[in-house]
Amino acid sequence: MFLSRPISAIHCPMPAPAIAYFISGHGFGHARRSALVIAALLRLRPDLSVHVCTTAPRHALAAADGPALRVHNIDIDSGAVEDDPLHINPLATLQRAQQLLDNASTLVAEAASCLARGDVRLVLSDIPFLAADVAEALHLPCWAITSFTWDWIYEPFVESHPRYRPLLQHIADSYARMHGLFQFPFGGCCPRFPRVQRVPMIAGRSSRPPADVLRDAGIAADDRRPRILVGMRGGVSEAALLHAASQSPQMLFLCPRDCPDHPPDNLRCISLAPPLAFDDLVAVSDVVISKLGYSIVADCLAAPAALLWPPRTNFREDPLFARDAGPYLRHRPIPVDRFLAGDWREDLLALLHSPAPAAAPPLDGADVCARLIAAML
C-alpha cells in the first residue's frame, strides 16, 4: 500500500507538554503566588498545560485560570494546624505531618498515577515535600519554589516533642531529592537542596484603575477618608469591627465579609466577586489590617499600603518579616488584646502619619521564575 502524500506532510498531533505544580493548601498565599508564576509561565509558553495538585480553593488560583489549567484535588501536604488565626498548635501539626508520612507510599502512588496520563516534563512544589517522591516515581526533575520549607517551620516544635525528630529527617530527605530551590526573601529553608537560586518576591498587582475599583466597592470618588482594609481571614469579631469604626469616624473601614445589621457610615462590607479582587482593595487602601504572612506583605509592598498586624504564636517566619521588611514597608505590630477588642485607633494613626519607605524591593519574582522554568522545558 502506498501513501498518497509524503510522510513529512502527515500531521501527527502530539500531546501538549505539561508541568505538574504541587501547592500547599495551608492558607491562600501559596496558591496565590503560585498562580502568578503559572500565569507568567503561560505567557512565555502558551503551549503548556499545567496540572495543579492542591486542596486550596479554586478562587485562590484566579490569576492563572484558563483552559491550560487542570486542577486536581490531590492532598500530599500537611501544612500547619491552627487553633485559630493567631496560634499554631505544634503537637497537632507534628501529628498530622506524621500521619501524612505514614501514608506516603499510597499518596505518592495515587498522585503519580494521575499525572502519568499527561505529558508532564517537570514537577514544581510550593512546598509539599512529597512532590519529590512523586517526581522520582515519574522519573522527572523537581524544583521547590518557596520562602520556607516545612522542616524549618517544624524544627522549633520538635524541641518540645523530640520523638518527632525523625519526621524532620524524612522531610529534609525528600527536599534533598529535589533538583533545586527557587527561594524568595523573608524565610528559612532546608539546607540540603542541591542548588539554590534566589529570586525576588512575587506580588500580585491590581491592573484596574482605582476609580473603577472604588466604584465597584461602592465608595464615592470624592470620599477622602483614609481607607482601612480589614484583611484578616477570620479572627476579627463583629463587636471588634464595630468598636474600631466607632472609635475612628474619620476613617473608612473596608471589610470583605457580611456586614452587621445597620453598619455605621464608615464601615463598608464588600463582596469579593469578579471583577473585584482582594488585591484591588489593597491597591486603594492606606492601611491593611492582617496577619504578617508572605502574601499580604507582598500585596502591601506592591500597592503600596501600610500593614497593621497582631503577633502570631509559633509562626517562625513572622520575626523575619518584621525585621527584614522594615526598610520597604510601613508596618506596626498591635498587641493581641487591643487587636481583638478593636482598639486600633492609636496604631492606625501612627501608621497613617509614618514616613514612606526610602526603598522598594524588586517584586518581579513571578516573571523571573517563569523564565528559569521555561528554560528547563
Protein backbone atom coordinates (compact mmCIF):
# COMPACT_ATOMS: atom_id res chain seq x y z
CA MET A 1 0.00 0.00 0.00
CA PHE A 2 1.40 3.38 -0.99
CA LEU A 3 0.99 6.66 0.81
CA SER A 4 -0.76 9.34 -1.21
CA ARG A 5 1.45 12.08 0.23
CA PRO A 6 4.96 12.33 1.63
CA ILE A 7 5.47 11.19 5.22
CA SER A 8 6.64 14.68 6.14
CA ALA A 9 3.22 16.06 5.22
CA ILE A 10 1.29 13.72 7.56
CA HIS A 11 0.16 15.57 10.68
CA CYS A 12 0.52 13.52 13.86
CA PRO A 13 -0.75 15.63 16.74
CA MET A 14 1.37 15.38 19.87
CA PRO A 15 0.05 15.94 23.37
CA ALA A 16 0.76 19.39 24.76
CA PRO A 17 3.78 19.45 27.05
CA ALA A 18 2.83 19.89 30.69
CA ILE A 19 4.17 20.64 34.13
CA ALA A 20 2.82 19.50 37.49
CA TYR A 21 2.62 22.02 40.31
CA PHE A 22 2.03 20.78 43.86
CA ILE A 23 0.76 23.61 46.09
CA SER A 24 0.17 23.63 49.82
CA GLY A 25 -3.44 24.18 50.79
CA HIS A 26 -2.43 25.90 54.03
CA GLY A 27 -3.96 29.36 53.73
CA PHE A 28 -4.30 31.10 50.37
CA GLY A 29 -0.81 32.59 49.99
CA HIS A 30 0.89 29.55 48.47
CA ALA A 31 -1.82 29.22 45.83
CA ARG A 32 -1.98 32.94 45.05
CA ARG A 33 1.75 33.31 44.42
CA SER A 34 1.92 30.01 42.52
CA ALA A 35 -0.89 31.21 40.27
CA LEU A 36 1.18 34.29 39.40
CA VAL A 37 4.13 32.06 38.45
CA ILE A 38 1.85 29.91 36.30
CA ALA A 39 0.34 32.95 34.57
CA ALA A 40 3.81 34.32 33.80
CA LEU A 41 4.95 30.93 32.51
CA LEU A 42 1.93 30.60 30.23
CA ARG A 43 2.68 34.00 28.73
CA LEU A 44 6.08 32.60 27.72
CA ARG A 45 4.83 29.12 26.82
CA PRO A 46 1.17 29.25 25.80
CA ASP A 47 1.50 25.69 24.50
CA LEU A 48 1.86 24.29 28.03
CA SER A 49 -0.71 22.56 30.18
CA VAL A 50 -0.37 22.96 33.94
CA HIS A 51 -1.59 20.27 36.32
CA VAL A 52 -2.11 21.89 39.72
CA CYS A 53 -2.35 19.47 42.62
CA THR A 54 -3.75 21.17 45.71
CA THR A 55 -6.56 21.41 48.23
CA ALA A 56 -6.54 25.22 48.04
CA PRO A 57 -9.82 26.76 46.84
CA ARG A 58 -10.08 27.41 43.12
CA HIS A 59 -10.54 31.16 43.61
CA ALA A 60 -7.00 31.37 45.06
CA LEU A 61 -5.74 30.34 41.60
CA ALA A 62 -7.74 33.01 39.77
CA ALA A 63 -4.66 34.73 38.34
CA ALA A 64 -3.90 31.63 36.26
CA ASP A 65 -7.41 30.45 35.48
CA GLY A 66 -7.96 29.37 31.89
CA PRO A 67 -8.06 26.36 29.58
CA ALA A 68 -4.41 25.44 30.25
CA LEU A 69 -5.06 24.92 33.96
CA ARG A 70 -6.06 21.45 35.19
CA VAL A 71 -6.74 21.36 38.93
CA HIS A 72 -6.58 18.05 40.80
CA ASN A 73 -7.77 17.69 44.39
CA ILE A 74 -4.63 15.84 45.46
CA ASP A 75 -3.53 16.19 49.07
CA ILE A 76 0.12 15.38 49.78
CA ASP A 77 0.76 18.23 52.20
CA SER A 78 0.09 18.51 55.93
CA GLY A 79 0.79 22.21 56.45
CA ALA A 80 0.25 23.52 59.96
CA VAL A 81 -2.68 23.05 62.32
CA GLU A 82 -4.07 26.35 63.59
CA ASP A 83 -6.14 26.57 66.76
CA ASP A 84 -7.20 29.99 65.48
CA PRO A 85 -5.74 32.52 63.01
CA LEU A 86 -3.10 33.64 65.53
CA HIS A 87 -1.97 30.31 67.03
CA ILE A 88 -0.37 27.21 65.51
CA ASN A 89 -0.77 24.01 67.53
CA PRO A 90 2.75 22.44 67.47
CA LEU A 91 1.80 18.94 68.61
CA ALA A 92 -1.23 18.64 66.33
CA THR A 93 0.91 19.91 63.44
CA LEU A 94 3.57 17.26 64.02
CA GLN A 95 0.96 14.53 64.44
CA ARG A 96 -0.69 15.43 61.14
CA ALA A 97 2.67 15.53 59.35
CA GLN A 98 3.49 12.09 60.76
CA GLN A 99 0.13 10.76 59.54
CA LEU A 100 0.92 12.06 56.08
CA LEU A 101 4.30 10.35 56.13
CA ASP A 102 2.77 7.08 57.35
CA ASN A 103 0.50 7.09 54.27
CA ALA A 104 3.13 8.44 51.89
CA SER A 105 3.55 5.36 49.71
CA THR A 106 -0.17 5.25 48.86
CA LEU A 107 -0.47 9.01 48.37
CA VAL A 108 2.60 9.18 46.14
CA ALA A 109 1.44 6.24 44.02
CA GLU A 110 -2.01 7.80 43.51
CA ALA A 111 -0.57 11.18 42.56
CA ALA A 112 1.94 9.63 40.18
CA SER A 113 -0.80 7.56 38.53
CA CYS A 114 -2.91 10.67 37.97
CA LEU A 115 -0.04 12.62 36.40
CA ALA A 116 1.28 9.74 34.31
CA ARG A 117 -1.61 10.25 31.89
CA GLY A 118 -0.29 13.66 30.80
CA ASP A 119 2.93 14.62 29.06
CA VAL A 120 4.44 16.07 32.24
CA ARG A 121 8.03 17.24 31.83
CA LEU A 122 8.72 18.93 35.19
CA VAL A 123 7.38 18.92 38.76
CA LEU A 124 7.24 22.10 40.87
CA SER A 125 6.40 22.36 44.56
CA ASP A 126 5.27 25.15 46.89
CA ILE A 127 6.13 23.33 49.22
CA PRO A 128 4.81 19.76 49.67
CA PHE A 129 7.93 17.68 50.32
CA LEU A 130 6.31 14.54 48.90
CA ALA A 131 6.35 16.21 45.47
CA ALA A 132 9.94 14.97 45.28
CA ASP A 133 8.75 11.40 45.76
CA VAL A 134 6.08 11.79 43.08
CA ALA A 135 8.66 13.23 40.67
CA GLU A 136 11.02 10.37 41.44
CA ALA A 137 8.27 7.84 40.69
CA LEU A 138 7.72 9.56 37.33
CA HIS A 139 11.48 9.93 36.63
CA LEU A 140 11.10 13.70 36.40
CA PRO A 141 13.06 16.65 37.79
CA CYS A 142 11.51 18.56 40.68
CA TRP A 143 12.11 22.11 41.93
CA ALA A 144 10.74 23.83 45.02
CA ILE A 145 9.50 27.44 44.85
CA THR A 146 9.10 28.95 48.30
CA SER A 147 10.28 31.23 51.07
CA PHE A 148 10.27 28.47 53.70
CA THR A 149 10.16 24.69 53.94
CA TRP A 150 8.15 22.63 56.39
CA ASP A 151 11.15 21.12 58.16
CA TRP A 152 12.28 24.67 59.02
CA ILE A 153 8.79 25.55 60.31
CA TYR A 154 8.52 22.35 62.36
CA GLU A 155 12.05 22.47 63.80
CA PRO A 156 11.18 24.53 66.93
CA PHE A 157 8.17 22.28 67.60
CA VAL A 158 10.42 19.23 67.90
CA GLU A 159 12.29 20.82 70.81
CA SER A 160 9.19 20.23 72.96
CA HIS A 161 8.24 16.96 71.21
CA PRO A 162 11.59 15.23 70.48
CA ARG A 163 10.02 11.92 69.48
CA TYR A 164 9.16 13.60 66.17
CA ARG A 165 12.78 14.38 65.31
CA PRO A 166 12.92 11.50 62.75
CA LEU A 167 10.00 13.22 60.99
CA LEU A 168 12.20 16.24 60.28
CA GLN A 169 14.85 13.97 58.81
CA HIS A 170 12.32 12.33 56.48
CA ILE A 171 11.06 15.72 55.30
CA ALA A 172 14.59 17.00 54.71
CA ASP A 173 15.45 13.80 52.83
CA SER A 174 12.60 14.46 50.41
CA TYR A 175 13.61 18.07 49.85
CA ALA A 176 17.19 16.92 49.28
CA ARG A 177 16.00 14.72 46.39
CA MET A 178 14.64 17.74 44.54
CA HIS A 179 16.88 19.21 41.86
CA GLY A 180 16.86 22.64 43.46
CA LEU A 181 15.07 25.55 45.08
CA PHE A 182 13.85 28.93 43.86
CA GLN A 183 13.99 30.83 47.16
CA PHE A 184 12.08 34.03 47.92
CA PRO A 185 13.18 36.51 50.60
CA PHE A 186 11.84 36.54 54.17
CA GLY A 187 12.03 32.94 55.32
CA GLY A 188 14.17 29.91 56.01
CA CYS A 189 14.63 26.71 54.05
CA CYS A 190 16.05 23.23 54.29
CA PRO A 191 19.84 23.49 53.79
CA ARG A 192 20.05 20.27 51.77
CA PHE A 193 18.76 21.38 48.36
CA PRO A 194 21.44 20.57 45.75
CA ARG A 195 21.03 24.01 44.16
CA VAL A 196 19.54 27.28 45.38
CA GLN A 197 18.50 30.10 43.05
CA ARG A 198 17.48 33.23 44.93
CA VAL A 199 14.61 35.08 43.25
CA PRO A 200 12.70 38.30 44.03
CA MET A 201 9.38 38.38 45.84
CA ILE A 202 6.21 37.54 43.98
CA ALA A 203 3.48 40.13 44.33
CA GLY A 204 0.08 40.48 42.75
CA ARG A 205 -0.72 43.94 41.47
CA SER A 206 -4.12 45.33 40.65
CA SER A 207 -4.31 46.21 36.96
CA ARG A 208 -7.56 48.16 37.31
CA PRO A 209 -7.91 51.95 37.51
CA PRO A 210 -8.52 52.99 41.14
CA ALA A 211 -11.69 54.84 40.10
CA ASP A 212 -13.17 51.58 38.78
CA VAL A 213 -12.27 49.72 41.98
CA LEU A 214 -13.84 52.41 44.15
CA ARG A 215 -17.00 52.38 42.02
CA ASP A 216 -17.34 48.60 42.27
CA ALA A 217 -16.73 48.78 46.03
CA GLY A 218 -19.46 51.39 46.43
CA ILE A 219 -17.08 54.15 47.55
CA ALA A 220 -17.56 57.69 46.29
CA ALA A 221 -14.59 59.01 44.34
CA ASP A 222 -14.59 62.20 46.42
CA ASP A 223 -14.55 60.35 49.78
CA ARG A 224 -11.15 61.42 51.14
CA ARG A 225 -11.26 59.47 54.40
CA PRO A 226 -8.23 57.19 54.92
CA ARG A 227 -9.23 53.70 53.82
CA ILE A 228 -8.53 50.83 56.23
CA LEU A 229 -8.85 47.32 54.77
CA VAL A 230 -9.62 44.61 57.32
CA GLY A 231 -7.87 41.77 55.53
CA MET A 232 -7.84 39.06 58.20
CA ARG A 233 -9.08 35.65 57.13
CA GLY A 234 -11.13 35.14 60.30
CA GLY A 235 -10.10 36.44 63.69
CA VAL A 236 -12.00 39.77 63.78
CA SER A 237 -15.28 39.70 65.65
CA GLU A 238 -18.27 41.82 64.70
CA ALA A 239 -18.00 43.59 68.06
CA ALA A 240 -14.35 44.47 67.43
CA LEU A 241 -15.15 45.77 63.96
CA LEU A 242 -17.97 47.98 65.23
CA HIS A 243 -15.82 49.30 68.07
CA ALA A 244 -12.97 50.15 65.70
CA ALA A 245 -15.34 52.00 63.37
CA SER A 246 -16.98 53.97 66.20
CA GLN A 247 -13.55 54.87 67.61
CA SER A 248 -12.35 56.36 64.31
CA PRO A 249 -15.23 58.05 62.45
CA GLN A 250 -12.75 59.94 60.26
CA MET A 251 -11.54 56.64 58.75
CA LEU A 252 -13.36 54.39 56.26
CA PHE A 253 -13.18 50.68 57.08
CA LEU A 254 -13.43 48.18 54.22
CA CYS A 255 -14.29 44.63 55.13
CA PRO A 256 -14.71 41.71 52.68
CA ARG A 257 -17.31 39.92 54.82
CA ASP A 258 -21.00 40.09 55.70
CA CYS A 259 -21.98 43.31 57.43
CA PRO A 260 -23.64 43.56 60.82
CA ASP A 261 -27.17 44.94 60.84
CA HIS A 262 -27.25 48.72 60.49
CA PRO A 263 -23.50 49.29 60.00
CA PRO A 264 -22.12 52.77 60.68
CA ASP A 265 -21.43 55.11 57.78
CA ASN A 266 -17.67 54.45 57.92
CA LEU A 267 -17.93 50.65 57.62
CA ARG A 268 -18.33 49.14 54.14
CA CYS A 269 -18.71 45.39 53.77
CA ILE A 270 -17.64 44.42 50.28
CA SER A 271 -18.32 41.23 48.37
CA LEU A 272 -15.23 39.90 46.62
CA ALA A 273 -16.61 38.69 43.31
CA PRO A 274 -15.48 39.39 39.74
CA PRO A 275 -14.43 41.89 38.67
CA LEU A 276 -13.43 42.91 42.22
CA ALA A 277 -10.43 41.06 43.71
CA PHE A 278 -8.61 41.32 47.01
CA ASP A 279 -5.52 42.95 45.51
CA ASP A 280 -7.81 45.62 44.01
CA LEU A 281 -8.90 46.56 47.53
CA VAL A 282 -5.31 46.58 48.80
CA ALA A 283 -4.37 48.94 45.95
CA VAL A 284 -6.92 51.56 47.06
CA SER A 285 -6.26 51.21 50.81
CA ASP A 286 -3.99 53.27 53.02
CA VAL A 287 -3.60 50.61 55.73
CA VAL A 288 -4.29 46.88 55.72
CA ILE A 289 -5.02 45.03 58.96
CA SER A 290 -3.94 41.42 58.65
CA LYS A 291 -1.61 38.68 59.80
CA LEU A 292 2.05 39.04 58.91
CA GLY A 293 2.16 36.48 56.09
CA TYR A 294 4.07 36.35 52.80
CA SER A 295 1.10 37.07 50.57
CA ILE A 296 -0.21 40.10 52.45
CA VAL A 297 3.28 41.57 52.86
CA ALA A 298 3.81 41.23 49.10
CA ASP A 299 0.41 42.79 48.37
CA CYS A 300 1.17 45.75 50.64
CA LEU A 301 4.60 46.26 49.07
CA ALA A 302 3.05 46.29 45.61
CA ALA A 303 0.20 48.70 46.46
CA PRO A 304 1.94 50.29 48.44
CA ALA A 305 -0.04 50.20 51.68
CA ALA A 306 0.92 50.13 55.35
CA LEU A 307 0.31 46.99 57.41
CA LEU A 308 -1.00 46.69 60.98
CA TRP A 309 -0.55 43.17 62.31
CA PRO A 310 -1.23 41.23 65.53
CA PRO A 311 1.67 38.95 66.55
CA ARG A 312 1.09 35.24 65.97
CA THR A 313 2.28 32.35 68.13
CA ASN A 314 4.53 29.60 66.70
CA PHE A 315 4.77 31.19 63.23
CA ARG A 316 8.53 31.06 62.81
CA GLU A 317 8.63 33.33 59.75
CA ASP A 318 6.92 36.30 61.43
CA PRO A 319 10.03 37.71 63.20
CA LEU A 320 11.90 37.58 59.88
CA PHE A 321 9.15 39.51 58.12
CA ALA A 322 9.07 42.08 60.91
CA ARG A 323 12.83 42.55 60.73
CA ASP A 324 13.61 42.27 57.03
CA ALA A 325 10.57 44.06 55.57
CA GLY A 326 11.26 47.15 57.66
CA PRO A 327 13.24 49.11 55.03
CA TYR A 328 10.50 48.59 52.43
CA LEU A 329 7.19 48.53 54.30
CA ARG A 330 5.42 50.75 56.80
CA HIS A 331 4.26 48.21 59.35
CA ARG A 332 3.47 48.05 63.03
CA PRO A 333 2.51 45.28 65.48
CA ILE A 334 -0.56 45.73 67.63
CA PRO A 335 -0.89 43.86 70.95
CA VAL A 336 -3.26 40.93 70.61
CA ASP A 337 -5.62 42.13 73.34
CA ARG A 338 -6.05 45.51 71.64
CA PHE A 339 -6.45 43.86 68.25
CA LEU A 340 -9.18 41.51 69.49
CA ALA A 341 -11.00 44.39 71.19
CA GLY A 342 -10.97 46.59 68.08
CA ASP A 343 -8.88 49.20 69.88
CA TRP A 344 -6.99 50.16 66.71
CA ARG A 345 -7.15 53.94 66.56
CA GLU A 346 -3.78 54.78 68.11
CA ASP A 347 -1.88 52.33 65.91
CA LEU A 348 -3.71 53.32 62.74
CA LEU A 349 -2.94 56.99 63.32
CA ALA A 350 0.72 56.15 63.90
CA LEU A 351 0.89 54.29 60.59
CA LEU A 352 -1.00 56.95 58.66
CA HIS A 353 1.48 59.58 59.84
CA SER A 354 4.61 57.46 59.35
CA PRO A 355 7.01 58.38 56.53
CA ALA A 356 7.06 56.42 53.29
CA PRO A 357 9.84 53.84 52.98
CA ALA A 358 13.01 55.05 51.31
CA ALA A 359 13.46 51.88 49.23
CA ALA A 360 11.34 49.41 47.26
CA PRO A 361 12.30 45.76 46.72
CA PRO A 362 12.02 44.04 43.34
CA LEU A 363 8.67 42.28 43.06
CA ASP A 364 9.08 40.54 39.69
CA GLY A 365 9.67 37.08 41.13
CA ALA A 366 6.89 35.51 39.04
CA ASP A 367 8.50 36.61 35.78
CA VAL A 368 11.98 35.60 36.97
CA CYS A 369 10.77 32.14 37.99
CA ALA A 370 8.84 31.74 34.74
CA ARG A 371 11.94 32.43 32.65
CA LEU A 372 14.00 29.96 34.66
CA ILE A 373 11.31 27.29 34.43
CA ALA A 374 10.77 27.83 30.69
CA ALA A 375 14.49 27.30 30.13
CA MET A 376 14.19 23.82 31.66
CA LEU A 377 11.43 22.64 29.33
